[in-house]
Amino acid sequence: MKLNGQYIKLEETQHLDNFLKASGYNIDTIAVELNGEIIPKSVYCDTLVDDAAEMEVVRFVGGG
């Protein structure tokens, strides 16, 4: 799969929430674009990711 412009090998299809947690992302502070579509957090647990996926993960940064 392609994650943030880098190719990685995804051994098996998995749910998006599990993939993100296993990859060390804090789900509360990110937004995900999967195959050109913004994915709502409410469906992360129902969304499947496979080795053909193209994903961009953006972290929110606060400041002032």
Protein backbone atom coordinates (compact mmCIF):
# COMPACT_ATOMS: atom_id res chain seq x y z
CA MET A 1 0.00 0.00 0.00
CA LYS A 2 1.04 3.61 -0.32
CA LEU A 3 1.04 5.50 2.98
CA ASN A 4 1.91 9.20 2.94
CA GLY A 5 3.81 8.77 -0.32
CA GLN A 6 5.81 5.72 0.83
CA TYR A 7 5.17 2.16 -0.27
CA ILE A 8 4.77 -0.38 2.52
CA LYS A 9 3.79 -4.05 2.42
CA LEU A 10 0.46 -4.82 4.03
CA GLU A 11 0.37 -8.57 4.63
CA GLU A 12 -3.39 -8.84 5.06
CA THR A 13 -6.57 -6.83 4.70
CA GLN A 14 -7.50 -5.19 7.99
CA HIS A 15 -9.84 -2.63 9.47
CA LEU A 16 -8.65 0.95 9.28
CA ASP A 17 -8.85 1.56 13.04
CA ASN A 18 -6.68 -1.49 13.78
CA PHE A 19 -4.14 -0.50 11.13
CA LEU A 20 -3.87 3.04 12.48
CA LYS A 21 -3.49 1.92 16.10
CA ALA A 22 -0.88 -0.71 15.15
CA SER A 23 1.01 1.97 13.21
CA GLY A 24 1.14 4.21 16.29
CA TYR A 25 -1.39 6.85 15.27
CA ASN A 26 -3.61 8.57 17.83
CA ILE A 27 -7.01 8.36 16.14
CA ASP A 28 -8.25 11.45 17.99
CA THR A 29 -5.65 13.73 16.38
CA ILE A 30 -5.60 12.63 12.74
CA ALA A 31 -7.60 12.79 9.53
CA VAL A 32 -7.44 10.02 6.93
CA GLU A 33 -7.81 10.15 3.16
CA LEU A 34 -8.17 6.66 1.70
CA ASN A 35 -8.15 6.17 -2.07
CA GLY A 36 -9.02 9.84 -2.61
CA GLU A 37 -11.86 10.00 -0.08
CA ILE A 38 -11.86 11.55 3.42
CA ILE A 39 -12.94 8.84 5.86
CA PRO A 40 -15.11 9.89 8.84
CA LYS A 41 -13.83 8.62 12.20
CA SER A 42 -17.23 7.03 12.79
CA VAL A 43 -16.54 4.42 10.09
CA TYR A 44 -12.86 3.63 10.78
CA CYS A 45 -13.91 0.33 12.38
CA ASP A 46 -15.98 -0.62 9.30
CA THR A 47 -13.45 0.46 6.65
CA LEU A 48 -11.12 -2.16 5.19
CA VAL A 49 -7.56 -1.42 4.07
CA ASP A 50 -5.67 -3.70 1.68
CA ASP A 51 -2.29 -3.72 -0.05
CA ALA A 52 -3.67 -1.78 -3.06
CA ALA A 53 -4.78 1.17 -0.89
CA GLU A 54 -3.43 4.71 -1.13
CA MET A 55 -3.69 6.52 2.19
CA GLU A 56 -2.70 9.93 3.51
CA VAL A 57 -2.73 10.50 7.27
CA VAL A 58 -2.61 14.08 8.51
CA ARG A 59 -1.96 14.97 12.14
CA PHE A 60 -3.61 17.99 13.73
CA VAL A 61 -1.18 20.37 15.40
CA GLY A 62 -2.40 22.98 17.85
CA GLY A 63 -0.69 26.19 18.63
CA GLY A 64 -1.21 29.72 19.54
